[in-house]
Amino acid sequence: MSSQHKYQVAVHSLAQPAPINRMHAWEVQLRAPNGQPVNGAHISVDGGMPQHGHGLPTQPKVTRELGDGRYLVEGMKFSMPGWWQIKLKVDGAEGADDVTFNTMVNISQLLARR
């Protein structure tokens, strides 16, 4: 749930696992508290590594609405393994709200590329 419980929000990387030092895309699924898809929302994306005190190395953004409350986020990039946060600000039918997701980018994801 978002901070003020206005939205149910789920995110996932379209690349599994999410790569290190490569651009990739994520999908956001947005629903009202009653479970109905929320279309036509404006979503901004931010984030970073709380333990390192820096943000994302790119400026990801929603590039397309996919329908059924789904949105495509392009321009994601993790520059190193560790704890990352993905922060979304949502402005839709239920009003403005925000949500933060925590994700671990594992060193094995870097090694798998070699």
PDB file of N, CA and C in Angstrom:
ATOM      1  N   MET A   1       0.839  -1.194   0.000  1.00  0.00           N
ATOM      2  CA  MET A   1       0.000   0.000   0.000  1.00  0.00           C
ATOM      3  C   MET A   1       0.882   1.255   0.000  1.00  0.00           C
ATOM      4  N   SER A   2       0.375   2.288  -0.611  1.00  0.00           N
ATOM      5  CA  SER A   2       1.092   3.558  -0.607  1.00  0.00           C
ATOM      6  C   SER A   2       1.018   4.173   0.792  1.00  0.00           C
ATOM      7  N   SER A   3       1.788   5.214   1.019  1.00  0.00           N
ATOM      8  CA  SER A   3       1.920   5.812   2.351  1.00  0.00           C
ATOM      9  C   SER A   3       0.584   6.183   2.996  1.00  0.00           C
ATOM     10  N   GLN A   4      -0.311   6.765   2.207  1.00  0.00           N
ATOM     11  CA  GLN A   4      -1.609   7.193   2.735  1.00  0.00           C
ATOM     12  C   GLN A   4      -2.731   6.204   2.390  1.00  0.00           C
ATOM     13  N   HIS A   5      -2.339   5.012   1.954  1.00  0.00           N
ATOM     14  CA  HIS A   5      -3.276   3.922   1.638  1.00  0.00           C
ATOM     15  C   HIS A   5      -4.251   4.264   0.513  1.00  0.00           C
ATOM     16  N   LYS A   6      -3.815   5.119  -0.421  1.00  0.00           N
ATOM     17  CA  LYS A   6      -4.675   5.475  -1.548  1.00  0.00           C
ATOM     18  C   LYS A   6      -4.539   4.491  -2.706  1.00  0.00           C
ATOM     19  N   TYR A   7      -3.406   3.767  -2.757  1.00  0.00           N
ATOM     20  CA  TYR A   7      -3.142   2.862  -3.876  1.00  0.00           C
ATOM     21  C   TYR A   7      -2.484   1.572  -3.406  1.00  0.00           C
ATOM     22  N   GLN A   8      -2.807   0.495  -4.120  1.00  0.00           N
ATOM     23  CA  GLN A   8      -2.031  -0.737  -4.037  1.00  0.00           C
ATOM     24  C   GLN A   8      -1.025  -0.655  -5.182  1.00  0.00           C
ATOM     25  N   VAL A   9       0.240  -0.826  -4.866  1.00  0.00           N
ATOM     26  CA  VAL A   9       1.278  -0.665  -5.880  1.00  0.00           C
ATOM     27  C   VAL A   9       2.205  -1.878  -5.844  1.00  0.00           C
ATOM     28  N   ALA A  10       2.526  -2.385  -7.016  1.00  0.00           N
ATOM     29  CA  ALA A  10       3.504  -3.464  -7.146  1.00  0.00           C
ATOM     30  C   ALA A  10       4.472  -3.085  -8.251  1.00  0.00           C
ATOM     31  N   VAL A  11       5.736  -3.476  -8.105  1.00  0.00           N
ATOM     32  CA  VAL A  11       6.745  -3.229  -9.132  1.00  0.00           C
ATOM     33  C   VAL A  11       7.551  -4.506  -9.360  1.00  0.00           C
ATOM     34  N   HIS A  12       8.043  -4.654 -10.579  1.00  0.00           N
ATOM     35  CA  HIS A  12       8.993  -5.736 -10.849  1.00  0.00           C
ATOM     36  C   HIS A  12       9.839  -5.379 -12.061  1.00  0.00           C
ATOM     37  N   SER A  13      11.054  -5.874 -12.028  1.00  0.00           N
ATOM     38  CA  SER A  13      11.975  -5.686 -13.141  1.00  0.00           C
ATOM     39  C   SER A  13      11.569  -6.612 -14.275  1.00  0.00           C
ATOM     40  N   LEU A  14      11.617  -6.111 -15.505  1.00  0.00           N
ATOM     41  CA  LEU A  14      11.330  -6.961 -16.656  1.00  0.00           C
ATOM     42  C   LEU A  14      12.521  -7.858 -16.982  1.00  0.00           C
ATOM     43  N   ALA A  15      13.701  -7.502 -16.491  1.00  0.00           N
ATOM     44  CA  ALA A  15      14.891  -8.351 -16.616  1.00  0.00           C
ATOM     45  C   ALA A  15      15.050  -9.087 -15.291  1.00  0.00           C
ATOM     46  N   GLN A  16      15.162 -10.393 -15.350  1.00  0.00           N
ATOM     47  CA  GLN A  16      15.304 -11.188 -14.130  1.00  0.00           C
ATOM     48  C   GLN A  16      16.615 -11.960 -14.158  1.00  0.00           C
ATOM     49  N   PRO A  17      17.479 -11.722 -13.188  1.00  0.00           N
ATOM     50  CA  PRO A  17      17.383 -10.682 -12.170  1.00  0.00           C
ATOM     51  C   PRO A  17      17.715  -9.315 -12.769  1.00  0.00           C
ATOM     52  N   ALA A  18      17.392  -8.262 -12.019  1.00  0.00           N
ATOM     53  CA  ALA A  18      17.710  -6.910 -12.478  1.00  0.00           C
ATOM     54  C   ALA A  18      19.226  -6.793 -12.624  1.00  0.00           C
ATOM     55  N   PRO A  19      19.707  -6.351 -13.787  1.00  0.00           N
ATOM     56  CA  PRO A  19      21.150  -6.322 -14.032  1.00  0.00           C
ATOM     57  C   PRO A  19      21.854  -5.154 -13.346  1.00  0.00           C
ATOM     58  N   ILE A  20      23.166  -5.280 -13.234  1.00  0.00           N
ATOM     59  CA  ILE A  20      24.012  -4.216 -12.710  1.00  0.00           C
ATOM     60  C   ILE A  20      24.723  -3.557 -13.887  1.00  0.00           C
ATOM     61  N   ASN A  21      24.759  -2.222 -13.870  1.00  0.00           N
ATOM     62  CA  ASN A  21      25.436  -1.415 -14.894  1.00  0.00           C
ATOM     63  C   ASN A  21      24.857  -1.594 -16.295  1.00  0.00           C
ATOM     64  N   ARG A  22      23.582  -1.931 -16.378  1.00  0.00           N
ATOM     65  CA  ARG A  22      22.899  -2.003 -17.661  1.00  0.00           C
ATOM     66  C   ARG A  22      21.513  -1.388 -17.516  1.00  0.00           C
ATOM     67  N   MET A  23      21.122  -0.641 -18.519  1.00  0.00           N
ATOM     68  CA  MET A  23      19.777  -0.065 -18.516  1.00  0.00           C
ATOM     69  C   MET A  23      18.763  -1.188 -18.650  1.00  0.00           C
ATOM     70  N   HIS A  24      17.663  -1.062 -17.942  1.00  0.00           N
ATOM     71  CA  HIS A  24      16.599  -2.052 -18.026  1.00  0.00           C
ATOM     72  C   HIS A  24      15.276  -1.392 -17.652  1.00  0.00           C
ATOM     73  N   ALA A  25      14.190  -2.102 -17.829  1.00  0.00           N
ATOM     74  CA  ALA A  25      12.853  -1.549 -17.604  1.00  0.00           C
ATOM     75  C   ALA A  25      12.160  -2.272 -16.447  1.00  0.00           C
ATOM     76  N   TRP A  26      11.228  -1.585 -15.840  1.00  0.00           N
ATOM     77  CA  TRP A  26      10.397  -2.131 -14.772  1.00  0.00           C
ATOM     78  C   TRP A  26       8.936  -1.902 -15.139  1.00  0.00           C
ATOM     79  N   GLU A  27       8.062  -2.671 -14.528  1.00  0.00           N
ATOM     80  CA  GLU A  27       6.628  -2.462 -14.679  1.00  0.00           C
ATOM     81  C   GLU A  27       6.044  -2.111 -13.320  1.00  0.00           C
ATOM     82  N   VAL A  28       5.188  -1.105 -13.313  1.00  0.00           N
ATOM     83  CA  VAL A  28       4.449  -0.698 -12.112  1.00  0.00           C
ATOM     84  C   VAL A  28       2.999  -1.108 -12.313  1.00  0.00           C
ATOM     85  N   GLN A  29       2.420  -1.736 -11.302  1.00  0.00           N
ATOM     86  CA  GLN A  29       0.993  -2.059 -11.332  1.00  0.00           C
ATOM     87  C   GLN A  29       0.318  -1.210 -10.259  1.00  0.00           C
ATOM     88  N   LEU A  30      -0.688  -0.454 -10.670  1.00  0.00           N
ATOM     89  CA  LEU A  30      -1.354   0.495  -9.792  1.00  0.00           C
ATOM     90  C   LEU A  30      -2.835   0.154  -9.675  1.00  0.00           C
ATOM     91  N   ARG A  31      -3.300   0.013  -8.433  1.00  0.00           N
ATOM     92  CA  ARG A  31      -4.701  -0.317  -8.185  1.00  0.00           C
ATOM     93  C   ARG A  31      -5.249   0.569  -7.065  1.00  0.00           C
ATOM     94  N   ALA A  32      -6.550   0.791  -7.111  1.00  0.00           N
ATOM     95  CA  ALA A  32      -7.247   1.504  -6.031  1.00  0.00           C
ATOM     96  C   ALA A  32      -7.332   0.559  -4.826  1.00  0.00           C
ATOM     97  N   PRO A  33      -7.666   1.075  -3.662  1.00  0.00           N
ATOM     98  CA  PRO A  33      -7.787   0.205  -2.488  1.00  0.00           C
ATOM     99  C   PRO A  33      -8.757  -0.958  -2.685  1.00  0.00           C
ATOM    100  N   ASN A  34      -9.757  -0.776  -3.539  1.00  0.00           N
ATOM    101  CA  ASN A  34     -10.729  -1.857  -3.785  1.00  0.00           C
ATOM    102  C   ASN A  34     -10.235  -2.861  -4.828  1.00  0.00           C
ATOM    103  N   GLY A  35      -9.013  -2.673  -5.331  1.00  0.00           N
ATOM    104  CA  GLY A  35      -8.433  -3.609  -6.283  1.00  0.00           C
ATOM    105  C   GLY A  35      -8.637  -3.263  -7.743  1.00  0.00           C
ATOM    106  N   GLN A  36      -9.400  -2.214  -8.026  1.00  0.00           N
ATOM    107  CA  GLN A  36      -9.634  -1.811  -9.418  1.00  0.00           C
ATOM    108  C   GLN A  36      -8.383  -1.151 -10.004  1.00  0.00           C
ATOM    109  N   PRO A  37      -8.033  -1.466 -11.256  1.00  0.00           N
ATOM    110  CA  PRO A  37      -6.878  -0.844 -11.900  1.00  0.00           C
ATOM    111  C   PRO A  37      -7.034   0.670 -11.978  1.00  0.00           C
ATOM    112  N   VAL A  38      -5.935   1.380 -11.807  1.00  0.00           N
ATOM    113  CA  VAL A  38      -5.929   2.841 -11.919  1.00  0.00           C
ATOM    114  C   VAL A  38      -5.201   3.204 -13.203  1.00  0.00           C
ATOM    115  N   ASN A  39      -5.939   3.726 -14.153  1.00  0.00           N
ATOM    116  CA  ASN A  39      -5.373   4.179 -15.416  1.00  0.00           C
ATOM    117  C   ASN A  39      -5.288   5.703 -15.416  1.00  0.00           C
ATOM    118  N   GLY A  40      -4.425   6.250 -16.252  1.00  0.00           N
ATOM    119  CA  GLY A  40      -4.318   7.694 -16.403  1.00  0.00           C
ATOM    120  C   GLY A  40      -3.601   8.399 -15.280  1.00  0.00           C
ATOM    121  N   ALA A  41      -2.852   7.686 -14.464  1.00  0.00           N
ATOM    122  CA  ALA A  41      -2.120   8.306 -13.353  1.00  0.00           C
ATOM    123  C   ALA A  41      -0.795   8.878 -13.846  1.00  0.00           C
ATOM    124  N   HIS A  42      -0.313   9.871 -13.135  1.00  0.00           N
ATOM    125  CA  HIS A  42       1.030  10.395 -13.372  1.00  0.00           C
ATOM    126  C   HIS A  42       1.923   9.784 -12.301  1.00  0.00           C
ATOM    127  N   ILE A  43       3.023   9.147 -12.705  1.00  0.00           N
ATOM    128  CA  ILE A  43       3.937   8.497 -11.770  1.00  0.00           C
ATOM    129  C   ILE A  43       5.342   9.017 -12.019  1.00  0.00           C
ATOM    130  N   SER A  44       5.993   9.524 -10.973  1.00  0.00           N
ATOM    131  CA  SER A  44       7.397   9.915 -11.087  1.00  0.00           C
ATOM    132  C   SER A  44       8.236   8.914 -10.290  1.00  0.00           C
ATOM    133  N   VAL A  45       9.462   8.706 -10.761  1.00  0.00           N
ATOM    134  CA  VAL A  45      10.344   7.676 -10.220  1.00  0.00           C
ATOM    135  C   VAL A  45      11.620   8.315  -9.699  1.00  0.00           C
ATOM    136  N   ASP A  46      12.037   7.880  -8.511  1.00  0.00           N
ATOM    137  CA  ASP A  46      13.282   8.325  -7.898  1.00  0.00           C
ATOM    138  C   ASP A  46      13.826   7.142  -7.118  1.00  0.00           C
ATOM    139  N   GLY A  47      14.907   7.342  -6.416  1.00  0.00           N
ATOM    140  CA  GLY A  47      15.441   6.272  -5.596  1.00  0.00           C
ATOM    141  C   GLY A  47      16.927   6.434  -5.375  1.00  0.00           C
ATOM    142  N   GLY A  48      17.547   5.386  -4.855  1.00  0.00           N
ATOM    143  CA  GLY A  48      18.975   5.426  -4.604  1.00  0.00           C
ATOM    144  C   GLY A  48      19.384   4.387  -3.583  1.00  0.00           C
ATOM    145  N   MET A  49      20.593   4.570  -3.067  1.00  0.00           N
ATOM    146  CA  MET A  49      21.162   3.663  -2.070  1.00  0.00           C
ATOM    147  C   MET A  49      21.247   4.394  -0.729  1.00  0.00           C
ATOM    148  N   PRO A  50      20.329   4.111   0.182  1.00  0.00           N
ATOM    149  CA  PRO A  50      20.324   4.822   1.471  1.00  0.00           C
ATOM    150  C   PRO A  50      21.634   4.703   2.240  1.00  0.00           C
ATOM    151  N   GLN A  51      22.266   3.555   2.211  1.00  0.00           N
ATOM    152  CA  GLN A  51      23.501   3.367   2.976  1.00  0.00           C
ATOM    153  C   GLN A  51      24.687   4.099   2.359  1.00  0.00           C
ATOM    154  N   HIS A  52      24.606   4.433   1.095  1.00  0.00           N
ATOM    155  CA  HIS A  52      25.694   5.131   0.418  1.00  0.00           C
ATOM    156  C   HIS A  52      25.396   6.617   0.234  1.00  0.00           C
ATOM    157  N   GLY A  53      24.151   7.011   0.445  1.00  0.00           N
ATOM    158  CA  GLY A  53      23.789   8.417   0.356  1.00  0.00           C
ATOM    159  C   GLY A  53      23.745   8.964  -1.057  1.00  0.00           C
ATOM    160  N   HIS A  54      23.510   8.116  -2.046  1.00  0.00           N
ATOM    161  CA  HIS A  54      23.401   8.639  -3.415  1.00  0.00           C
ATOM    162  C   HIS A  54      22.139   8.112  -4.085  1.00  0.00           C
ATOM    163  N   GLY A  55      21.728   8.824  -5.113  1.00  0.00           N
ATOM    164  CA  GLY A  55      20.529   8.461  -5.845  1.00  0.00           C
ATOM    165  C   GLY A  55      20.816   7.488  -6.962  1.00  0.00           C
ATOM    166  N   LEU A  56      19.811   7.281  -7.786  1.00  0.00           N
ATOM    167  CA  LEU A  56      19.969   6.440  -8.966  1.00  0.00           C
ATOM    168  C   LEU A  56      20.931   7.120  -9.939  1.00  0.00           C
ATOM    169  N   PRO A  57      21.718   6.349 -10.688  1.00  0.00           N
ATOM    170  CA  PRO A  57      22.640   6.963 -11.642  1.00  0.00           C
ATOM    171  C   PRO A  57      21.949   7.450 -12.916  1.00  0.00           C
ATOM    172  N   THR A  58      20.657   7.183 -13.051  1.00  0.00           N
ATOM    173  CA  THR A  58      19.883   7.598 -14.226  1.00  0.00           C
ATOM    174  C   THR A  58      18.618   8.310 -13.747  1.00  0.00           C
ATOM    175  N   GLN A  59      17.834   8.763 -14.689  1.00  0.00           N
ATOM    176  CA  GLN A  59      16.559   9.410 -14.369  1.00  0.00           C
ATOM    177  C   GLN A  59      15.425   8.614 -15.013  1.00  0.00           C
ATOM    178  N   PRO A  60      15.078   7.471 -14.397  1.00  0.00           N
ATOM    179  CA  PRO A  60      14.018   6.640 -14.989  1.00  0.00           C
ATOM    180  C   PRO A  60      12.683   7.371 -14.996  1.00  0.00           C
ATOM    181  N   LYS A  61      11.854   6.998 -15.973  1.00  0.00           N
ATOM    182  CA  LYS A  61      10.529   7.608 -16.035  1.00  0.00           C
ATOM    183  C   LYS A  61       9.538   6.657 -16.678  1.00  0.00           C
ATOM    184  N   VAL A  62       8.282   6.918 -16.409  1.00  0.00           N
ATOM    185  CA  VAL A  62       7.211   6.166 -17.050  1.00  0.00           C
ATOM    186  C   VAL A  62       7.144   6.642 -18.493  1.00  0.00           C
ATOM    187  N   THR A  63       7.279   5.694 -19.404  1.00  0.00           N
ATOM    188  CA  THR A  63       7.272   6.043 -20.831  1.00  0.00           C
ATOM    189  C   THR A  63       5.999   5.620 -21.541  1.00  0.00           C
ATOM    190  N   ARG A  64       5.234   4.732 -20.880  1.00  0.00           N
ATOM    191  CA  ARG A  64       4.038   4.237 -21.549  1.00  0.00           C
ATOM    192  C   ARG A  64       3.074   3.639 -20.533  1.00  0.00           C
ATOM    193  N   GLU A  65       1.800   3.867 -20.768  1.00  0.00           N
ATOM    194  CA  GLU A  65       0.752   3.195 -19.997  1.00  0.00           C
ATOM    195  C   GLU A  65       0.391   1.927 -20.758  1.00  0.00           C
ATOM    196  N   LEU A  66       0.434   0.788 -20.084  1.00  0.00           N
ATOM    197  CA  LEU A  66       0.233  -0.510 -20.722  1.00  0.00           C
ATOM    198  C   LEU A  66      -1.200  -1.015 -20.629  1.00  0.00           C
ATOM    199  N   GLY A  67      -2.053  -0.308 -19.891  1.00  0.00           N
ATOM    200  CA  GLY A  67      -3.431  -0.736 -19.694  1.00  0.00           C
ATOM    201  C   GLY A  67      -3.586  -1.583 -18.445  1.00  0.00           C
ATOM    202  N   ASP A  68      -4.804  -1.702 -17.968  1.00  0.00           N
ATOM    203  CA  ASP A  68      -5.119  -2.496 -16.784  1.00  0.00           C
ATOM    204  C   ASP A  68      -4.316  -2.046 -15.561  1.00  0.00           C
ATOM    205  N   GLY A  69      -4.045  -0.740 -15.459  1.00  0.00           N
ATOM    206  CA  GLY A  69      -3.321  -0.198 -14.309  1.00  0.00           C
ATOM    207  C   GLY A  69      -1.830  -0.471 -14.321  1.00  0.00           C
ATOM    208  N   ARG A  70      -1.288  -0.826 -15.497  1.00  0.00           N
ATOM    209  CA  ARG A  70       0.142  -1.130 -15.605  1.00  0.00           C
ATOM    210  C   ARG A  70       0.859  -0.018 -16.370  1.00  0.00           C
ATOM    211  N   TYR A  71       2.084   0.282 -15.915  1.00  0.00           N
ATOM    212  CA  TYR A  71       2.884   1.355 -16.493  1.00  0.00           C
ATOM    213  C   TYR A  71       4.309   0.855 -16.714  1.00  0.00           C
ATOM    214  N   LEU A  72       4.927   1.267 -17.821  1.00  0.00           N
ATOM    215  CA  LEU A  72       6.294   0.878 -18.141  1.00  0.00           C
ATOM    216  C   LEU A  72       7.247   1.973 -17.684  1.00  0.00           C
ATOM    217  N   VAL A  73       8.235   1.593 -16.880  1.00  0.00           N
ATOM    218  CA  VAL A  73       9.291   2.504 -16.432  1.00  0.00           C
ATOM    219  C   VAL A  73      10.566   2.110 -17.163  1.00  0.00           C
ATOM    220  N   GLU A  74      11.126   3.053 -17.918  1.00  0.00           N
ATOM    221  CA  GLU A  74      12.374   2.796 -18.627  1.00  0.00           C
ATOM    222  C   GLU A  74      13.467   3.697 -18.074  1.00  0.00           C
ATOM    223  N   GLY A  75      14.714   3.237 -18.258  1.00  0.00           N
ATOM    224  CA  GLY A  75      15.855   4.022 -17.801  1.00  0.00           C
ATOM    225  C   GLY A  75      16.356   3.647 -16.424  1.00  0.00           C
ATOM    226  N   MET A  76      15.963   2.493 -15.900  1.00  0.00           N
ATOM    227  CA  MET A  76      16.475   2.041 -14.602  1.00  0.00           C
ATOM    228  C   MET A  76      17.896   1.528 -14.779  1.00  0.00           C
ATOM    229  N   LYS A  77      18.727   1.789 -13.780  1.00  0.00           N
ATOM    230  CA  LYS A  77      20.091   1.273 -13.783  1.00  0.00           C
ATOM    231  C   LYS A  77      20.599   1.245 -12.351  1.00  0.00           C
ATOM    232  N   PHE A  78      21.164   0.114 -11.967  1.00  0.00           N
ATOM    233  CA  PHE A  78      21.826  -0.017 -10.671  1.00  0.00           C
ATOM    234  C   PHE A  78      23.323  -0.083 -10.940  1.00  0.00           C
ATOM    235  N   SER A  79      24.083   0.788 -10.303  1.00  0.00           N
ATOM    236  CA  SER A  79      25.509   0.884 -10.592  1.00  0.00           C
ATOM    237  C   SER A  79      26.376  -0.040  -9.753  1.00  0.00           C
ATOM    238  N   MET A  80      25.789  -0.677  -8.737  1.00  0.00           N
ATOM    239  CA  MET A  80      26.556  -1.576  -7.885  1.00  0.00           C
ATOM    240  C   MET A  80      25.611  -2.482  -7.104  1.00  0.00           C
ATOM    241  N   PRO A  81      26.130  -3.579  -6.579  1.00  0.00           N
ATOM    242  CA  PRO A  81      25.286  -4.432  -5.749  1.00  0.00           C
ATOM    243  C   PRO A  81      24.987  -3.757  -4.414  1.00  0.00           C
ATOM    244  N   GLY A  82      23.920  -4.184  -3.769  1.00  0.00           N
ATOM    245  CA  GLY A  82      23.565  -3.661  -2.450  1.00  0.00           C
ATOM    246  C   GLY A  82      22.085  -3.325  -2.351  1.00  0.00           C
ATOM    247  N   TRP A  83      21.763  -2.584  -1.293  1.00  0.00           N
ATOM    248  CA  TRP A  83      20.386  -2.201  -0.987  1.00  0.00           C
ATOM    249  C   TRP A  83      20.027  -0.933  -1.751  1.00  0.00           C
ATOM    250  N   TRP A  84      18.990  -1.040  -2.562  1.00  0.00           N
ATOM    251  CA  TRP A  84      18.473   0.082  -3.339  1.00  0.00           C
ATOM    252  C   TRP A  84      17.022   0.341  -2.953  1.00  0.00           C
ATOM    253  N   GLN A  85      16.613   1.590  -3.047  1.00  0.00           N
ATOM    254  CA  GLN A  85      15.208   1.950  -2.872  1.00  0.00           C
ATOM    255  C   GLN A  85      14.693   2.519  -4.187  1.00  0.00           C
ATOM    256  N   ILE A  86      13.458   2.165  -4.508  1.00  0.00           N
ATOM    257  CA  ILE A  86      12.745   2.731  -5.651  1.00  0.00           C
ATOM    258  C   ILE A  86      11.565   3.488  -5.078  1.00  0.00           C
ATOM    259  N   LYS A  87      11.526   4.792  -5.332  1.00  0.00           N
ATOM    260  CA  LYS A  87      10.493   5.660  -4.777  1.00  0.00           C
ATOM    261  C   LYS A  87       9.592   6.169  -5.889  1.00  0.00           C
ATOM    262  N   LEU A  88       8.296   5.960  -5.704  1.00  0.00           N
ATOM    263  CA  LEU A  88       7.309   6.410  -6.680  1.00  0.00           C
ATOM    264  C   LEU A  88       6.405   7.465  -6.055  1.00  0.00           C
ATOM    265  N   LYS A  89       6.147   8.517  -6.808  1.00  0.00           N
ATOM    266  CA  LYS A  89       5.124   9.498  -6.450  1.00  0.00           C
ATOM    267  C   LYS A  89       4.004   9.316  -7.456  1.00  0.00           C
ATOM    268  N   VAL A  90       2.818   9.088  -6.936  1.00  0.00           N
ATOM    269  CA  VAL A  90       1.658   8.784  -7.774  1.00  0.00           C
ATOM    270  C   VAL A  90       0.632   9.896  -7.626  1.00  0.00           C
ATOM    271  N   ASP A  91       0.099  10.348  -8.755  1.00  0.00           N
ATOM    272  CA  ASP A  91      -1.011  11.293  -8.749  1.00  0.00           C
ATOM    273  C   ASP A  91      -2.056  10.734  -9.704  1.00  0.00           C
ATOM    274  N   GLY A  92      -3.130  10.222  -9.124  1.00  0.00           N
ATOM    275  CA  GLY A  92      -4.172   9.588  -9.926  1.00  0.00           C
ATOM    276  C   GLY A  92      -5.545   9.878  -9.388  1.00  0.00           C
ATOM    277  N   ALA A  93      -6.495   9.042  -9.749  1.00  0.00           N
ATOM    278  CA  ALA A  93      -7.901   9.234  -9.390  1.00  0.00           C
ATOM    279  C   ALA A  93      -8.128   9.344  -7.887  1.00  0.00           C
ATOM    280  N   GLU A  94      -7.306   8.684  -7.086  1.00  0.00           N
ATOM    281  CA  GLU A  94      -7.473   8.707  -5.626  1.00  0.00           C
ATOM    282  C   GLU A  94      -6.727   9.873  -4.976  1.00  0.00           C
ATOM    283  N   GLY A  95      -5.989  10.670  -5.780  1.00  0.00           N
ATOM    284  CA  GLY A  95      -5.214  11.791  -5.254  1.00  0.00           C
ATOM    285  C   GLY A  95      -3.726  11.463  -5.266  1.00  0.00           C
ATOM    286  N   ALA A  96      -2.926  12.327  -4.654  1.00  0.00           N
ATOM    287  CA  ALA A  96      -1.473  12.168  -4.633  1.00  0.00           C
ATOM    288  C   ALA A  96      -1.041  11.309  -3.454  1.00  0.00           C
ATOM    289  N   ASP A  97      -0.049  10.462  -3.682  1.00  0.00           N
ATOM    290  CA  ASP A  97       0.498   9.598  -2.637  1.00  0.00           C
ATOM    291  C   ASP A  97       1.874   9.119  -3.093  1.00  0.00           C
ATOM    292  N   ASP A  98       2.583   8.451  -2.212  1.00  0.00           N
ATOM    293  CA  ASP A  98       3.903   7.935  -2.563  1.00  0.00           C
ATOM    294  C   ASP A  98       4.112   6.567  -1.936  1.00  0.00           C
ATOM    295  N   VAL A  99       5.098   5.855  -2.474  1.00  0.00           N
ATOM    296  CA  VAL A  99       5.424   4.524  -1.979  1.00  0.00           C
ATOM    297  C   VAL A  99       6.905   4.274  -2.232  1.00  0.00           C
ATOM    298  N   THR A 100       7.547   3.553  -1.319  1.00  0.00           N
ATOM    299  CA  THR A 100       8.960   3.202  -1.452  1.00  0.00           C
ATOM    300  C   THR A 100       9.110   1.691  -1.420  1.00  0.00           C
ATOM    301  N   PHE A 101       9.873   1.164  -2.373  1.00  0.00           N
ATOM    302  CA  PHE A 101      10.180  -0.258  -2.436  1.00  0.00           C
ATOM    303  C   PHE A 101      11.659  -0.458  -2.169  1.00  0.00           C
ATOM    304  N   ASN A 102      11.989  -1.489  -1.409  1.00  0.00           N
ATOM    305  CA  ASN A 102      13.371  -1.861  -1.141  1.00  0.00           C
ATOM    306  C   ASN A 102      13.715  -3.087  -1.975  1.00  0.00           C
ATOM    307  N   THR A 103      14.902  -3.068  -2.563  1.00  0.00           N
ATOM    308  CA  THR A 103      15.350  -4.228  -3.338  1.00  0.00           C
ATOM    309  C   THR A 103      16.844  -4.440  -3.116  1.00  0.00           C
ATOM    310  N   MET A 104      17.238  -5.684  -3.109  1.00  0.00           N
ATOM    311  CA  MET A 104      18.652  -6.036  -2.984  1.00  0.00           C
ATOM    312  C   MET A 104      19.165  -6.462  -4.352  1.00  0.00           C
ATOM    313  N   VAL A 105      20.216  -5.812  -4.786  1.00  0.00           N
ATOM    314  CA  VAL A 105      20.894  -6.189  -6.016  1.00  0.00           C
ATOM    315  C   VAL A 105      22.121  -6.973  -5.579  1.00  0.00           C
ATOM    316  N   ASN A 106      22.162  -8.233  -5.969  1.00  0.00           N
ATOM    317  CA  ASN A 106      23.148  -9.170  -5.475  1.00  0.00           C
ATOM    318  C   ASN A 106      24.410  -9.176  -6.325  1.00  0.00           C
ATOM    319  N   ILE A 107      25.555  -9.382  -5.677  1.00  0.00           N
ATOM    320  CA  ILE A 107      26.831  -9.450  -6.391  1.00  0.00           C
ATOM    321  C   ILE A 107      26.816 -10.562  -7.434  1.00  0.00           C
ATOM    322  N   SER A 108      26.059 -11.632  -7.206  1.00  0.00           N
ATOM    323  CA  SER A 108      26.008 -12.729  -8.181  1.00  0.00           C
ATOM    324  C   SER A 108      25.411 -12.258  -9.506  1.00  0.00           C
ATOM    325  N   GLN A 109      24.595 -11.196  -9.476  1.00  0.00           N
ATOM    326  CA  GLN A 109      24.048 -10.641 -10.703  1.00  0.00           C
ATOM    327  C   GLN A 109      25.152 -10.021 -11.551  1.00  0.00           C
ATOM    328  N   LEU A 110      26.148  -9.447 -10.904  1.00  0.00           N
ATOM    329  CA  LEU A 110      27.290  -8.873 -11.616  1.00  0.00           C
ATOM    330  C   LEU A 110      28.167  -9.987 -12.171  1.00  0.00           C
ATOM    331  N   LEU A 111      28.409 -11.010 -11.361  1.00  0.00           N
ATOM    332  CA  LEU A 111      29.268 -12.109 -11.790  1.00  0.00           C
ATOM    333  C   LEU A 111      28.652 -12.908 -12.920  1.00  0.00           C
ATOM    334  N   ALA A 112      27.330 -13.007 -12.949  1.00  0.00           N
ATOM    335  CA  ALA A 112      26.650 -13.769 -13.992  1.00  0.00           C
ATOM    336  C   ALA A 112      26.837 -13.154 -15.376  1.00  0.00           C
ATOM    337  N   ARG A 113      27.115 -11.880 -15.432  1.00  0.00           N
ATOM    338  CA  ARG A 113      27.303 -11.181 -16.715  1.00  0.00           C
ATOM    339  C   ARG A 113      28.643 -11.509 -17.341  1.00  0.00           C
ATOM    340  N   ARG A 114      29.610 -11.927 -16.558  1.00  0.00           N
ATOM    341  CA  ARG A 114      30.977 -12.121 -17.072  1.00  0.00           C
ATOM    342  C   ARG A 114      31.133 -13.388 -17.835  1.00  0.00           C
TER     343      ARG A 114
END
